[in-house]
N, C-alpha and C. Protein backbone atom coordinates (compact mmCIF):
# COMPACT_ATOMS: atom_id res chain seq x y z
N UNK A 1 -108.43 150.98 145.60
CA UNK A 1 -106.85 151.25 145.78
C UNK A 1 -106.66 151.53 147.42
N UNK A 2 -105.09 150.92 147.60
CA UNK A 2 -104.60 150.92 148.82
C UNK A 2 -104.08 152.22 149.65
N UNK A 3 -103.98 152.53 150.50
CA UNK A 3 -103.43 153.25 151.60
C UNK A 3 -102.46 153.85 150.73
N UNK A 4 -100.76 153.36 150.36
CA UNK A 4 -99.89 153.08 149.77
C UNK A 4 -100.20 154.06 148.13
N UNK A 5 -101.02 153.82 147.41
CA UNK A 5 -101.47 154.82 146.00
C UNK A 5 -102.15 155.71 147.06
N UNK A 6 -103.47 155.94 148.01
CA UNK A 6 -103.68 157.56 148.04
C UNK A 6 -102.67 158.01 148.35
N UNK A 7 -101.46 157.94 149.38
CA UNK A 7 -100.88 158.78 149.46
C UNK A 7 -99.81 159.40 148.48
N UNK A 8 -99.62 158.23 147.53
CA UNK A 8 -98.52 158.55 146.47
C UNK A 8 -99.49 159.69 145.72
N UNK A 9 -100.49 159.16 145.16
CA UNK A 9 -101.42 160.12 144.41
C UNK A 9 -101.64 161.60 144.87
N UNK A 10 -101.59 161.66 146.16
CA UNK A 10 -101.34 163.04 146.82
C UNK A 10 -100.42 163.66 146.91
N UNK A 11 -99.30 163.21 147.66
CA UNK A 11 -98.05 163.63 147.32
C UNK A 11 -98.26 164.11 145.71
N UNK A 12 -98.04 163.40 144.64
CA UNK A 12 -97.94 163.53 143.46
C UNK A 12 -98.52 164.86 143.19
N UNK A 13 -100.03 164.56 143.48
CA UNK A 13 -101.13 166.23 143.00
C UNK A 13 -100.88 167.30 143.83
N UNK A 14 -100.04 166.83 144.95
CA UNK A 14 -100.09 168.63 145.78
C UNK A 14 -98.34 169.11 144.94
N UNK A 15 -97.63 168.36 144.89
CA UNK A 15 -96.40 168.77 144.23
C UNK A 15 -96.78 169.15 142.89
N UNK A 16 -97.46 168.84 142.31
CA UNK A 16 -97.87 169.22 140.78
C UNK A 16 -98.33 170.65 140.97
N UNK A 17 -99.39 170.84 142.05
CA UNK A 17 -100.00 171.62 142.28
C UNK A 17 -99.35 172.78 142.50
N UNK A 18 -97.99 172.65 143.36
CA UNK A 18 -97.48 173.99 143.76
C UNK A 18 -96.42 174.15 142.72
N UNK A 19 -95.81 173.43 142.03
CA UNK A 19 -95.06 173.92 140.83
C UNK A 19 -96.23 174.51 139.85
N UNK A 20 -97.30 174.25 139.62
CA UNK A 20 -97.83 175.02 138.55
C UNK A 20 -98.45 176.62 139.24
N UNK A 21 -98.51 176.54 140.83
CA UNK A 21 -98.53 177.67 141.31
C UNK A 21 -97.14 178.87 140.91
N UNK A 22 -96.23 177.93 141.12
CA UNK A 22 -94.94 179.02 140.35
C UNK A 22 -94.56 179.70 141.68
N UNK A 23 -94.72 179.66 142.68
CA UNK A 23 -94.14 180.91 143.73
C UNK A 23 -92.84 180.56 143.97
N UNK A 24 -92.48 179.10 143.75
CA UNK A 24 -91.28 179.01 145.04
C UNK A 24 -90.38 178.26 143.85
N UNK A 25 -90.33 178.72 142.96
CA UNK A 25 -89.65 178.20 141.53
C UNK A 25 -89.38 176.16 141.47
N UNK A 26 -90.11 175.86 142.04
CA UNK A 26 -90.65 174.50 142.19
C UNK A 26 -90.59 173.69 140.55
N UNK A 27 -89.73 172.47 140.69
CA UNK A 27 -90.58 171.54 139.39
C UNK A 27 -90.23 170.41 139.65
N UNK A 28 -91.04 169.75 139.02
CA UNK A 28 -91.43 168.16 139.59
C UNK A 28 -91.57 167.43 138.10
N UNK A 29 -90.78 166.44 137.91
CA UNK A 29 -91.02 165.20 136.92
C UNK A 29 -91.59 164.14 137.48
N UNK A 30 -92.70 163.93 137.53
CA UNK A 30 -93.21 162.41 137.81
C UNK A 30 -93.85 161.45 136.84
N UNK A 31 -92.97 161.34 136.02
CA UNK A 31 -93.04 160.47 134.52
C UNK A 31 -92.91 158.90 134.69
N UNK A 32 -92.35 158.78 135.87
CA UNK A 32 -91.76 157.23 136.03
C UNK A 32 -92.71 157.25 137.21
N UNK A 33 -93.43 155.72 137.65
CA UNK A 33 -94.37 155.57 138.61
C UNK A 33 -94.10 155.55 139.86
N UNK A 34 -92.71 155.34 140.06
CA UNK A 34 -92.03 155.18 141.31
C UNK A 34 -91.33 156.11 141.66
N UNK A 35 -90.91 156.87 140.52
CA UNK A 35 -89.58 158.07 140.71
C UNK A 35 -90.15 159.31 140.49
N UNK A 36 -89.68 160.45 141.35
CA UNK A 36 -89.74 161.77 140.64
C UNK A 36 -88.62 162.08 141.07
N UNK A 37 -88.50 163.51 140.36
CA UNK A 37 -87.51 164.21 140.60
C UNK A 37 -88.18 165.66 140.79
N UNK A 38 -87.59 166.16 141.86
CA UNK A 38 -88.31 167.60 142.54
C UNK A 38 -87.20 168.33 142.77
N UNK A 39 -87.09 169.64 141.89
CA UNK A 39 -86.31 170.70 142.15
C UNK A 39 -86.80 172.01 142.52
N UNK A 40 -86.26 172.52 143.87
CA UNK A 40 -87.05 173.99 144.48
C UNK A 40 -87.59 173.47 145.31
N UNK A 41 -88.24 174.42 146.47
CA UNK A 41 -88.59 174.92 147.50
C UNK A 41 -90.14 174.19 147.75
N UNK A 42 -90.81 173.20 148.64
CA UNK A 42 -91.54 172.35 149.05
C UNK A 42 -92.45 173.10 150.18
N UNK A 43 -93.51 173.59 149.76
CA UNK A 43 -94.50 174.00 151.41
C UNK A 43 -94.69 172.99 151.77
N UNK A 44 -94.24 172.41 153.22
CA UNK A 44 -94.58 171.39 153.83
C UNK A 44 -95.87 171.09 154.31
N UNK A 45 -96.22 172.29 154.91
CA UNK A 45 -97.77 172.30 155.40
C UNK A 45 -98.46 172.10 154.98
N UNK A 46 -98.47 172.99 152.99
CA UNK A 46 -99.76 172.36 152.39
C UNK A 46 -99.42 170.91 151.91
N UNK A 47 -98.44 170.05 151.44
CA UNK A 47 -97.99 168.88 151.33
C UNK A 47 -98.67 167.82 152.34
N UNK A 48 -98.61 168.13 153.65
CA UNK A 48 -99.19 167.54 154.66
C UNK A 48 -100.17 167.68 154.78
N UNK A 49 -101.01 168.62 154.45
CA UNK A 49 -102.66 168.88 154.59
C UNK A 49 -103.14 168.02 153.34
N UNK A 50 -102.24 168.16 152.57
CA UNK A 50 -102.92 167.30 151.33
C UNK A 50 -102.87 165.86 151.42
N UNK A 51 -101.89 165.48 151.97
CA UNK A 51 -101.99 163.83 152.69
C UNK A 51 -103.23 163.43 153.15
N UNK A 52 -103.00 164.32 154.91
CA UNK A 52 -104.27 164.13 155.10
C UNK A 52 -105.11 163.80 155.03
N UNK A 53 -105.56 165.08 154.25
CA UNK A 53 -106.72 165.34 153.32
C UNK A 53 -107.56 163.96 152.74
N UNK A 54 -106.43 163.36 151.72
CA UNK A 54 -106.99 162.62 150.62
C UNK A 54 -107.03 161.15 151.92
N UNK A 55 -106.62 160.61 152.92
CA UNK A 55 -106.69 159.86 154.35
C UNK A 55 -107.69 160.02 154.68
N UNK A 56 -108.53 161.19 154.83
CA UNK A 56 -109.41 161.48 155.42
C UNK A 56 -110.84 161.29 154.69
N UNK A 57 -110.46 161.02 152.98
CA UNK A 57 -111.70 161.15 152.15
C UNK A 57 -111.83 162.34 151.42
N UNK A 58 -111.30 163.28 151.40
CA UNK A 58 -111.29 164.57 150.95
C UNK A 58 -110.68 164.31 149.50
N UNK A 59 -110.63 165.69 148.76
CA UNK A 59 -110.75 165.52 147.08
C UNK A 59 -108.78 165.52 147.10
């Protein structure tokens, strides 16, 4: 898996996690491989931590 794939997966996973938490009215549609629709507020600190964690080898 290359770097771009890791970042893409981390972004999708974190946005889905935030949407499931439902605290900010976030809705995510990531059915297409390279496109996604995001509606609502995103916690950028949590998103950044998830991306950095994936690059550092975290879960």
